[in-house]
Amino acid sequence: MTTEEEATVANPYRAAIVGRRDQSRPFTEDFATELDEAVAAMNAGAWISTAADTFFAELTGHVTTCGTAAAGAMETYRSAIEGQPEQVPMNSWQTHWRNLR
């Protein structure tokens, strides 16, 4: 084994995933709370009727779905990051991942 094969570098693929996760975090946080004001308004009595009851039930279902989707996105990033080593050999696919197609 040559010295070049033994040398390791910071994993650029992992770093890219970390960067995208950090860029995505504010959007997922916003997404998870996007409907909170509508729920608060309904809880305060903004609309009261049987149709409103149906709407509110669907609204709270969507709130749950949004929260689950946001958490799922962050979990996908976490899993991808944990699946990558911090250091990789200089000739690994992670150092050339942008060129893979």
PDB file of N, CA and C in Angstrom:
ATOM      1  N   MET A   1       0.845  -1.174   0.000  1.00  0.00           N
ATOM      2  CA  MET A   1       0.000   0.000   0.000  1.00  0.00           C
ATOM      3  C   MET A   1       0.893   1.240   0.000  1.00  0.00           C
ATOM      4  N   THR A   2       0.582   2.187  -0.858  1.00  0.00           N
ATOM      5  CA  THR A   2       1.386   3.400  -0.940  1.00  0.00           C
ATOM      6  C   THR A   2       0.936   4.403   0.104  1.00  0.00           C
ATOM      7  N   THR A   3       1.769   5.410   0.306  1.00  0.00           N
ATOM      8  CA  THR A   3       1.430   6.461   1.268  1.00  0.00           C
ATOM      9  C   THR A   3       0.156   7.182   0.849  1.00  0.00           C
ATOM     10  N   GLU A   4      -0.029   7.371  -0.458  1.00  0.00           N
ATOM     11  CA  GLU A   4      -1.227   8.063  -0.950  1.00  0.00           C
ATOM     12  C   GLU A   4      -2.492   7.277  -0.604  1.00  0.00           C
ATOM     13  N   GLU A   5      -2.435   5.948  -0.723  1.00  0.00           N
ATOM     14  CA  GLU A   5      -3.594   5.128  -0.407  1.00  0.00           C
ATOM     15  C   GLU A   5      -3.893   5.122   1.091  1.00  0.00           C
ATOM     16  N   GLU A   6      -2.866   5.271   1.907  1.00  0.00           N
ATOM     17  CA  GLU A   6      -3.042   5.261   3.352  1.00  0.00           C
ATOM     18  C   GLU A   6      -3.539   6.600   3.892  1.00  0.00           C
ATOM     19  N   ALA A   7      -3.249   7.675   3.178  1.00  0.00           N
ATOM     20  CA  ALA A   7      -3.626   9.008   3.650  1.00  0.00           C
ATOM     21  C   ALA A   7      -5.143   9.162   3.632  1.00  0.00           C
ATOM     22  N   THR A   8      -5.649   9.846   4.636  1.00  0.00           N
ATOM     23  CA  THR A   8      -7.084  10.110   4.679  1.00  0.00           C
ATOM     24  C   THR A   8      -7.329  11.615   4.711  1.00  0.00           C
ATOM     25  N   VAL A   9      -8.521  11.968   4.290  1.00  0.00           N
ATOM     26  CA  VAL A   9      -8.940  13.369   4.274  1.00  0.00           C
ATOM     27  C   VAL A   9     -10.334  13.447   4.883  1.00  0.00           C
ATOM     28  N   ALA A  10     -10.721  14.645   5.257  1.00  0.00           N
ATOM     29  CA  ALA A  10     -12.089  14.855   5.733  1.00  0.00           C
ATOM     30  C   ALA A  10     -13.046  14.463   4.610  1.00  0.00           C
ATOM     31  N   ASN A  11     -14.096  13.760   4.948  1.00  0.00           N
ATOM     32  CA  ASN A  11     -15.051  13.237   3.979  1.00  0.00           C
ATOM     33  C   ASN A  11     -15.881  14.385   3.386  1.00  0.00           C
ATOM     34  N   PRO A  12     -15.632  14.754   2.115  1.00  0.00           N
ATOM     35  CA  PRO A  12     -16.374  15.871   1.529  1.00  0.00           C
ATOM     36  C   PRO A  12     -17.849  15.547   1.288  1.00  0.00           C
ATOM     37  N   TYR A  13     -18.157  14.291   1.060  1.00  0.00           N
ATOM     38  CA  TYR A  13     -19.549  13.887   0.873  1.00  0.00           C
ATOM     39  C   TYR A  13     -20.331  14.102   2.169  1.00  0.00           C
ATOM     40  N   ARG A  14     -19.750  13.666   3.270  1.00  0.00           N
ATOM     41  CA  ARG A  14     -20.369  13.862   4.586  1.00  0.00           C
ATOM     42  C   ARG A  14     -20.522  15.354   4.878  1.00  0.00           C
ATOM     43  N   ALA A  15     -19.492  16.120   4.573  1.00  0.00           N
ATOM     44  CA  ALA A  15     -19.536  17.571   4.804  1.00  0.00           C
ATOM     45  C   ALA A  15     -20.657  18.220   3.996  1.00  0.00           C
ATOM     46  N   ALA A  16     -20.870  17.744   2.776  1.00  0.00           N
ATOM     47  CA  ALA A  16     -21.941  18.298   1.947  1.00  0.00           C
ATOM     48  C   ALA A  16     -23.310  17.988   2.547  1.00  0.00           C
ATOM     49  N   ILE A  17     -23.475  16.782   3.060  1.00  0.00           N
ATOM     50  CA  ILE A  17     -24.748  16.421   3.697  1.00  0.00           C
ATOM     51  C   ILE A  17     -24.980  17.283   4.935  1.00  0.00           C
ATOM     52  N   VAL A  18     -23.943  17.464   5.735  1.00  0.00           N
ATOM     53  CA  VAL A  18     -24.052  18.315   6.931  1.00  0.00           C
ATOM     54  C   VAL A  18     -24.449  19.733   6.520  1.00  0.00           C
ATOM     55  N   GLY A  19     -23.831  20.245   5.470  1.00  0.00           N
ATOM     56  CA  GLY A  19     -24.147  21.592   4.997  1.00  0.00           C
ATOM     57  C   GLY A  19     -25.588  21.727   4.551  1.00  0.00           C
ATOM     58  N   ARG A  20     -26.064  20.750   3.800  1.00  0.00           N
ATOM     59  CA  ARG A  20     -27.462  20.787   3.344  1.00  0.00           C
ATOM     60  C   ARG A  20     -28.426  20.646   4.518  1.00  0.00           C
ATOM     61  N   ARG A  21     -28.069  19.807   5.485  1.00  0.00           N
ATOM     62  CA  ARG A  21     -28.911  19.676   6.676  1.00  0.00           C
ATOM     63  C   ARG A  21     -29.030  21.020   7.393  1.00  0.00           C
ATOM     64  N   ASP A  22     -27.897  21.682   7.563  1.00  0.00           N
ATOM     65  CA  ASP A  22     -27.901  22.967   8.260  1.00  0.00           C
ATOM     66  C   ASP A  22     -28.697  24.016   7.490  1.00  0.00           C
ATOM     67  N   GLN A  23     -28.636  23.975   6.153  1.00  0.00           N
ATOM     68  CA  GLN A  23     -29.426  24.904   5.343  1.00  0.00           C
ATOM     69  C   GLN A  23     -30.916  24.579   5.424  1.00  0.00           C
ATOM     70  N   SER A  24     -31.241  23.318   5.562  1.00  0.00           N
ATOM     71  CA  SER A  24     -32.640  22.873   5.581  1.00  0.00           C
ATOM     72  C   SER A  24     -33.319  23.059   6.926  1.00  0.00           C
ATOM     73  N   ARG A  25     -32.549  23.074   7.995  1.00  0.00           N
ATOM     74  CA  ARG A  25     -33.127  23.101   9.340  1.00  0.00           C
ATOM     75  C   ARG A  25     -34.146  24.236   9.539  1.00  0.00           C
ATOM     76  N   PRO A  26     -33.847  25.491   9.172  1.00  0.00           N
ATOM     77  CA  PRO A  26     -34.854  26.545   9.392  1.00  0.00           C
ATOM     78  C   PRO A  26     -36.150  26.288   8.621  1.00  0.00           C
ATOM     79  N   PHE A  27     -36.036  25.709   7.429  1.00  0.00           N
ATOM     80  CA  PHE A  27     -37.228  25.436   6.633  1.00  0.00           C
ATOM     81  C   PHE A  27     -38.064  24.323   7.252  1.00  0.00           C
ATOM     82  N   THR A  28     -37.400  23.300   7.773  1.00  0.00           N
ATOM     83  CA  THR A  28     -38.164  22.220   8.401  1.00  0.00           C
ATOM     84  C   THR A  28     -38.805  22.698   9.699  1.00  0.00           C
ATOM     85  N   GLU A  29     -38.125  23.577  10.422  1.00  0.00           N
ATOM     86  CA  GLU A  29     -38.717  24.131  11.646  1.00  0.00           C
ATOM     87  C   GLU A  29     -39.944  24.970  11.306  1.00  0.00           C
ATOM     88  N   ASP A  30     -39.845  25.789  10.246  1.00  0.00           N
ATOM     89  CA  ASP A  30     -40.996  26.583   9.805  1.00  0.00           C
ATOM     90  C   ASP A  30     -42.132  25.679   9.341  1.00  0.00           C
ATOM     91  N   PHE A  31     -41.781  24.646   8.582  1.00  0.00           N
ATOM     92  CA  PHE A  31     -42.791  23.735   8.052  1.00  0.00           C
ATOM     93  C   PHE A  31     -43.550  23.042   9.178  1.00  0.00           C
ATOM     94  N   ALA A  32     -42.827  22.656  10.208  1.00  0.00           N
ATOM     95  CA  ALA A  32     -43.445  21.941  11.327  1.00  0.00           C
ATOM     96  C   ALA A  32     -44.434  22.813  12.092  1.00  0.00           C
ATOM     97  N   THR A  33     -44.267  24.127  12.034  1.00  0.00           N
ATOM     98  CA  THR A  33     -45.138  25.033  12.796  1.00  0.00           C
ATOM     99  C   THR A  33     -46.016  25.906  11.895  1.00  0.00           C
ATOM    100  N   GLU A  34     -46.035  25.615  10.615  1.00  0.00           N
ATOM    101  CA  GLU A  34     -46.736  26.452   9.634  1.00  0.00           C
ATOM    102  C   GLU A  34     -48.217  26.645   9.955  1.00  0.00           C
ATOM    103  N   LEU A  35     -48.854  25.658  10.474  1.00  0.00           N
ATOM    104  CA  LEU A  35     -50.300  25.729  10.709  1.00  0.00           C
ATOM    105  C   LEU A  35     -50.681  26.078  12.143  1.00  0.00           C
ATOM    106  N   ASP A  36     -49.699  26.371  12.976  1.00  0.00           N
ATOM    107  CA  ASP A  36     -49.977  26.650  14.391  1.00  0.00           C
ATOM    108  C   ASP A  36     -50.909  27.844  14.589  1.00  0.00           C
ATOM    109  N   GLU A  37     -50.749  28.885  13.781  1.00  0.00           N
ATOM    110  CA  GLU A  37     -51.614  30.068  13.933  1.00  0.00           C
ATOM    111  C   GLU A  37     -53.058  29.745  13.573  1.00  0.00           C
ATOM    112  N   ALA A  38     -53.245  28.907  12.562  1.00  0.00           N
ATOM    113  CA  ALA A  38     -54.606  28.511  12.192  1.00  0.00           C
ATOM    114  C   ALA A  38     -55.244  27.694  13.314  1.00  0.00           C
ATOM    115  N   VAL A  39     -54.481  26.806  13.907  1.00  0.00           N
ATOM    116  CA  VAL A  39     -54.991  26.009  15.033  1.00  0.00           C
ATOM    117  C   VAL A  39     -55.328  26.927  16.207  1.00  0.00           C
ATOM    118  N   ALA A  40     -54.456  27.886  16.489  1.00  0.00           N
ATOM    119  CA  ALA A  40     -54.706  28.819  17.596  1.00  0.00           C
ATOM    120  C   ALA A  40     -55.977  29.625  17.348  1.00  0.00           C
ATOM    121  N   ALA A  41     -56.173  30.062  16.116  1.00  0.00           N
ATOM    122  CA  ALA A  41     -57.381  30.822  15.786  1.00  0.00           C
ATOM    123  C   ALA A  41     -58.629  29.962  15.965  1.00  0.00           C
ATOM    124  N   MET A  42     -58.552  28.727  15.511  1.00  0.00           N
ATOM    125  CA  MET A  42     -59.704  27.833  15.673  1.00  0.00           C
ATOM    126  C   MET A  42     -59.965  27.549  17.154  1.00  0.00           C
ATOM    127  N   ASN A  43     -58.920  27.365  17.920  1.00  0.00           N
ATOM    128  CA  ASN A  43     -59.078  27.139  19.362  1.00  0.00           C
ATOM    129  C   ASN A  43     -59.677  28.353  20.063  1.00  0.00           C
ATOM    130  N   ALA A  44     -59.426  29.541  19.506  1.00  0.00           N
ATOM    131  CA  ALA A  44     -59.958  30.777  20.090  1.00  0.00           C
ATOM    132  C   ALA A  44     -61.385  31.059  19.633  1.00  0.00           C
ATOM    133  N   GLY A  45     -61.953  30.168  18.795  1.00  0.00           N
ATOM    134  CA  GLY A  45     -63.340  30.333  18.372  1.00  0.00           C
ATOM    135  C   GLY A  45     -63.525  31.126  17.103  1.00  0.00           C
ATOM    136  N   ALA A  46     -62.532  31.174  16.232  1.00  0.00           N
ATOM    137  CA  ALA A  46     -62.626  31.938  14.991  1.00  0.00           C
ATOM    138  C   ALA A  46     -63.752  31.447  14.085  1.00  0.00           C
ATOM    139  N   TRP A  47     -64.080  30.186  14.163  1.00  0.00           N
ATOM    140  CA  TRP A  47     -65.137  29.621  13.318  1.00  0.00           C
ATOM    141  C   TRP A  47     -65.786  28.497  14.105  1.00  0.00           C
ATOM    142  N   ILE A  48     -67.070  28.619  14.299  1.00  0.00           N
ATOM    143  CA  ILE A  48     -67.785  27.622  15.094  1.00  0.00           C
ATOM    144  C   ILE A  48     -68.986  27.128  14.296  1.00  0.00           C
ATOM    145  N   SER A  49     -68.942  25.870  13.936  1.00  0.00           N
ATOM    146  CA  SER A  49     -70.045  25.198  13.243  1.00  0.00           C
ATOM    147  C   SER A  49     -69.661  23.735  13.077  1.00  0.00           C
ATOM    148  N   THR A  50     -70.591  22.949  12.557  1.00  0.00           N
ATOM    149  CA  THR A  50     -70.238  21.549  12.309  1.00  0.00           C
ATOM    150  C   THR A  50     -69.209  21.453  11.188  1.00  0.00           C
ATOM    151  N   ALA A  51     -69.306  22.344  10.209  1.00  0.00           N
ATOM    152  CA  ALA A  51     -68.295  22.372   9.138  1.00  0.00           C
ATOM    153  C   ALA A  51     -66.935  22.744   9.716  1.00  0.00           C
ATOM    154  N   ALA A  52     -66.943  23.660  10.686  1.00  0.00           N
ATOM    155  CA  ALA A  52     -65.689  24.057  11.337  1.00  0.00           C
ATOM    156  C   ALA A  52     -65.089  22.888  12.105  1.00  0.00           C
ATOM    157  N   ASP A  53     -65.938  22.084  12.715  1.00  0.00           N
ATOM    158  CA  ASP A  53     -65.440  20.909  13.436  1.00  0.00           C
ATOM    159  C   ASP A  53     -64.742  19.944  12.485  1.00  0.00           C
ATOM    160  N   THR A  54     -65.345  19.736  11.321  1.00  0.00           N
ATOM    161  CA  THR A  54     -64.733  18.867  10.308  1.00  0.00           C
ATOM    162  C   THR A  54     -63.420  19.465   9.823  1.00  0.00           C
ATOM    163  N   PHE A  55     -63.449  20.767   9.546  1.00  0.00           N
ATOM    164  CA  PHE A  55     -62.236  21.453   9.100  1.00  0.00           C
ATOM    165  C   PHE A  55     -61.133  21.338  10.147  1.00  0.00           C
ATOM    166  N   PHE A  56     -61.487  21.552  11.408  1.00  0.00           N
ATOM    167  CA  PHE A  56     -60.498  21.509  12.479  1.00  0.00           C
ATOM    168  C   PHE A  56     -59.884  20.116  12.616  1.00  0.00           C
ATOM    169  N   ALA A  57     -60.706  19.096  12.480  1.00  0.00           N
ATOM    170  CA  ALA A  57     -60.183  17.727  12.555  1.00  0.00           C
ATOM    171  C   ALA A  57     -59.178  17.482  11.434  1.00  0.00           C
ATOM    172  N   GLU A  58     -59.502  17.947  10.237  1.00  0.00           N
ATOM    173  CA  GLU A  58     -58.573  17.789   9.112  1.00  0.00           C
ATOM    174  C   GLU A  58     -57.326  18.648   9.311  1.00  0.00           C
ATOM    175  N   LEU A  59     -57.522  19.847   9.827  1.00  0.00           N
ATOM    176  CA  LEU A  59     -56.396  20.748  10.076  1.00  0.00           C
ATOM    177  C   LEU A  59     -55.406  20.131  11.054  1.00  0.00           C
ATOM    178  N   THR A  60     -55.903  19.586  12.139  1.00  0.00           N
ATOM    179  CA  THR A  60     -54.991  18.986  13.116  1.00  0.00           C
ATOM    180  C   THR A  60     -54.299  17.753  12.537  1.00  0.00           C
ATOM    181  N   GLY A  61     -54.970  17.058  11.639  1.00  0.00           N
ATOM    182  CA  GLY A  61     -54.321  15.950  10.939  1.00  0.00           C
ATOM    183  C   GLY A  61     -53.171  16.440  10.078  1.00  0.00           C
ATOM    184  N   HIS A  62     -53.382  17.565   9.408  1.00  0.00           N
ATOM    185  CA  HIS A  62     -52.317  18.149   8.582  1.00  0.00           C
ATOM    186  C   HIS A  62     -51.161  18.650   9.445  1.00  0.00           C
ATOM    187  N   VAL A  63     -51.481  19.179  10.615  1.00  0.00           N
ATOM    188  CA  VAL A  63     -50.427  19.622  11.542  1.00  0.00           C
ATOM    189  C   VAL A  63     -49.531  18.439  11.895  1.00  0.00           C
ATOM    190  N   THR A  64     -50.154  17.322  12.201  1.00  0.00           N
ATOM    191  CA  THR A  64     -49.387  16.117  12.530  1.00  0.00           C
ATOM    192  C   THR A  64     -48.543  15.675  11.340  1.00  0.00           C
ATOM    193  N   THR A  65     -49.129  15.692  10.152  1.00  0.00           N
ATOM    194  CA  THR A  65     -48.404  15.290   8.946  1.00  0.00           C
ATOM    195  C   THR A  65     -47.211  16.199   8.696  1.00  0.00           C
ATOM    196  N   CYS A  66     -47.394  17.500   8.846  1.00  0.00           N
ATOM    197  CA  CYS A  66     -46.287  18.450   8.647  1.00  0.00           C
ATOM    198  C   CYS A  66     -45.167  18.203   9.650  1.00  0.00           C
ATOM    199  N   GLY A  67     -45.526  17.996  10.890  1.00  0.00           N
ATOM    200  CA  GLY A  67     -44.516  17.727  11.912  1.00  0.00           C
ATOM    201  C   GLY A  67     -43.763  16.437  11.643  1.00  0.00           C
ATOM    202  N   THR A  68     -44.493  15.417  11.218  1.00  0.00           N
ATOM    203  CA  THR A  68     -43.867  14.132  10.905  1.00  0.00           C
ATOM    204  C   THR A  68     -42.931  14.264   9.712  1.00  0.00           C
ATOM    205  N   ALA A  69     -43.353  15.005   8.692  1.00  0.00           N
ATOM    206  CA  ALA A  69     -42.509  15.196   7.509  1.00  0.00           C
ATOM    207  C   ALA A  69     -41.239  15.962   7.856  1.00  0.00           C
ATOM    208  N   ALA A  70     -41.364  17.000   8.653  1.00  0.00           N
ATOM    209  CA  ALA A  70     -40.194  17.792   9.049  1.00  0.00           C
ATOM    210  C   ALA A  70     -39.218  16.944   9.857  1.00  0.00           C
ATOM    211  N   ALA A  71     -39.739  16.195  10.804  1.00  0.00           N
ATOM    212  CA  ALA A  71     -38.878  15.321  11.609  1.00  0.00           C
ATOM    213  C   ALA A  71     -38.246  14.242  10.743  1.00  0.00           C
ATOM    214  N   GLY A  72     -38.989  13.734   9.786  1.00  0.00           N
ATOM    215  CA  GLY A  72     -38.466  12.712   8.881  1.00  0.00           C
ATOM    216  C   GLY A  72     -37.330  13.227   8.020  1.00  0.00           C
ATOM    217  N   ALA A  73     -37.447  14.460   7.571  1.00  0.00           N
ATOM    218  CA  ALA A  73     -36.363  15.049   6.775  1.00  0.00           C
ATOM    219  C   ALA A  73     -35.090  15.154   7.598  1.00  0.00           C
ATOM    220  N   MET A  74     -35.213  15.622   8.829  1.00  0.00           N
ATOM    221  CA  MET A  74     -34.029  15.739   9.685  1.00  0.00           C
ATOM    222  C   MET A  74     -33.458  14.361  10.036  1.00  0.00           C
ATOM    223  N   GLU A  75     -34.326  13.382  10.201  1.00  0.00           N
ATOM    224  CA  GLU A  75     -33.865  12.018  10.490  1.00  0.00           C
ATOM    225  C   GLU A  75     -33.121  11.432   9.290  1.00  0.00           C
ATOM    226  N   THR A  76     -33.589  11.737   8.091  1.00  0.00           N
ATOM    227  CA  THR A  76     -32.907  11.265   6.886  1.00  0.00           C
ATOM    228  C   THR A  76     -31.508  11.850   6.812  1.00  0.00           C
ATOM    229  N   TYR A  77     -31.382  13.133   7.085  1.00  0.00           N
ATOM    230  CA  TYR A  77     -30.046  13.748   7.127  1.00  0.00           C
ATOM    231  C   TYR A  77     -29.183  13.093   8.207  1.00  0.00           C
ATOM    232  N   ARG A  78     -29.734  12.931   9.407  1.00  0.00           N
ATOM    233  CA  ARG A  78     -28.972  12.350  10.511  1.00  0.00           C
ATOM    234  C   ARG A  78     -28.455  10.962  10.152  1.00  0.00           C
ATOM    235  N   SER A  79     -29.318  10.160   9.581  1.00  0.00           N
ATOM    236  CA  SER A  79     -28.946   8.802   9.203  1.00  0.00           C
ATOM    237  C   SER A  79     -27.858   8.800   8.131  1.00  0.00           C
ATOM    238  N   ALA A  80     -27.993   9.678   7.153  1.00  0.00           N
ATOM    239  CA  ALA A  80     -26.989   9.759   6.087  1.00  0.00           C
ATOM    240  C   ALA A  80     -25.640  10.205   6.642  1.00  0.00           C
ATOM    241  N   ILE A  81     -25.659  11.166   7.549  1.00  0.00           N
ATOM    242  CA  ILE A  81     -24.414  11.663   8.149  1.00  0.00           C
ATOM    243  C   ILE A  81     -23.758  10.571   8.982  1.00  0.00           C
ATOM    244  N   GLU A  82     -24.550   9.906   9.803  1.00  0.00           N
ATOM    245  CA  GLU A  82     -23.996   8.845  10.647  1.00  0.00           C
ATOM    246  C   GLU A  82     -23.479   7.665   9.830  1.00  0.00           C
ATOM    247  N   GLY A  83     -23.994   7.499   8.623  1.00  0.00           N
ATOM    248  CA  GLY A  83     -23.565   6.406   7.759  1.00  0.00           C
ATOM    249  C   GLY A  83     -22.263   6.671   7.032  1.00  0.00           C
ATOM    250  N   GLN A  84     -21.720   7.851   7.207  1.00  0.00           N
ATOM    251  CA  GLN A  84     -20.476   8.216   6.534  1.00  0.00           C
ATOM    252  C   GLN A  84     -19.366   8.414   7.552  1.00  0.00           C
ATOM    253  N   PRO A  85     -18.173   7.906   7.248  1.00  0.00           N
ATOM    254  CA  PRO A  85     -17.042   8.151   8.143  1.00  0.00           C
ATOM    255  C   PRO A  85     -16.593   9.606   8.054  1.00  0.00           C
ATOM    256  N   GLU A  86     -15.994  10.100   9.117  1.00  0.00           N
ATOM    257  CA  GLU A  86     -15.487  11.473   9.109  1.00  0.00           C
ATOM    258  C   GLU A  86     -14.264  11.609   8.213  1.00  0.00           C
ATOM    259  N   GLN A  87     -13.457  10.569   8.154  1.00  0.00           N
ATOM    260  CA  GLN A  87     -12.253  10.562   7.322  1.00  0.00           C
ATOM    261  C   GLN A  87     -12.372   9.433   6.300  1.00  0.00           C
ATOM    262  N   VAL A  88     -11.896   9.693   5.082  1.00  0.00           N
ATOM    263  CA  VAL A  88     -11.908   8.677   4.029  1.00  0.00           C
ATOM    264  C   VAL A  88     -10.563   8.677   3.317  1.00  0.00           C
ATOM    265  N   PRO A  89     -10.207   7.557   2.685  1.00  0.00           N
ATOM    266  CA  PRO A  89      -8.978   7.541   1.898  1.00  0.00           C
ATOM    267  C   PRO A  89      -9.060   8.565   0.767  1.00  0.00           C
ATOM    268  N   MET A  90      -7.931   9.082   0.384  1.00  0.00           N
ATOM    269  CA  MET A  90      -7.895  10.116  -0.661  1.00  0.00           C
ATOM    270  C   MET A  90      -8.481   9.634  -1.984  1.00  0.00           C
ATOM    271  N   ASN A  91      -8.425   8.331  -2.240  1.00  0.00           N
ATOM    272  CA  ASN A  91      -8.923   7.812  -3.514  1.00  0.00           C
ATOM    273  C   ASN A  91     -10.327   7.210  -3.391  1.00  0.00           C
ATOM    274  N   SER A  92     -11.051   7.499  -2.328  1.00  0.00           N
ATOM    275  CA  SER A  92     -12.391   6.933  -2.135  1.00  0.00           C
ATOM    276  C   SER A  92     -13.418   7.630  -3.024  1.00  0.00           C
ATOM    277  N   TRP A  93     -14.554   6.969  -3.201  1.00  0.00           N
ATOM    278  CA  TRP A  93     -15.608   7.559  -4.022  1.00  0.00           C
ATOM    279  C   TRP A  93     -16.135   8.853  -3.407  1.00  0.00           C
ATOM    280  N   GLN A  94     -16.065   8.977  -2.074  1.00  0.00           N
ATOM    281  CA  GLN A  94     -16.579  10.179  -1.418  1.00  0.00           C
ATOM    282  C   GLN A  94     -15.801  11.430  -1.826  1.00  0.00           C
ATOM    283  N   THR A  95     -14.533  11.260  -2.182  1.00  0.00           N
ATOM    284  CA  THR A  95     -13.747  12.427  -2.595  1.00  0.00           C
ATOM    285  C   THR A  95     -14.075  12.841  -4.022  1.00  0.00           C
ATOM    286  N   HIS A  96     -14.751  11.966  -4.762  1.00  0.00           N
ATOM    287  CA  HIS A  96     -15.090  12.249  -6.167  1.00  0.00           C
ATOM    288  C   HIS A  96     -16.595  12.163  -6.412  1.00  0.00           C
ATOM    289  N   TRP A  97     -17.392  12.211  -5.364  1.00  0.00           N
ATOM    290  CA  TRP A  97     -18.823  11.960  -5.501  1.00  0.00           C
ATOM    291  C   TRP A  97     -19.530  12.928  -6.432  1.00  0.00           C
ATOM    292  N   ARG A  98     -19.052  14.139  -6.556  1.00  0.00           N
ATOM    293  CA  ARG A  98     -19.708  15.108  -7.451  1.00  0.00           C
ATOM    294  C   ARG A  98     -19.556  14.717  -8.911  1.00  0.00           C
ATOM    295  N   ASN A  99     -18.558  13.917  -9.209  1.00  0.00           N
ATOM    296  CA  ASN A  99     -18.312  13.493 -10.587  1.00  0.00           C
ATOM    297  C   ASN A  99     -19.023  12.192 -10.939  1.00  0.00           C
ATOM    298  N   LEU A 100     -19.620  11.520  -9.968  1.00  0.00           N
ATOM    299  CA  LEU A 100     -20.302  10.256 -10.225  1.00  0.00           C
ATOM    300  C   LEU A 100     -21.673  10.526 -10.830  1.00  0.00           C
ATOM    301  N   ARG A 101     -21.975   9.809 -11.889  1.00  0.00           N
ATOM    302  CA  ARG A 101     -23.295   9.955 -12.531  1.00  0.00           C
ATOM    303  C   ARG A 101     -23.717   8.645 -13.089  1.00  0.00           C
TER     304      ARG A 101
END
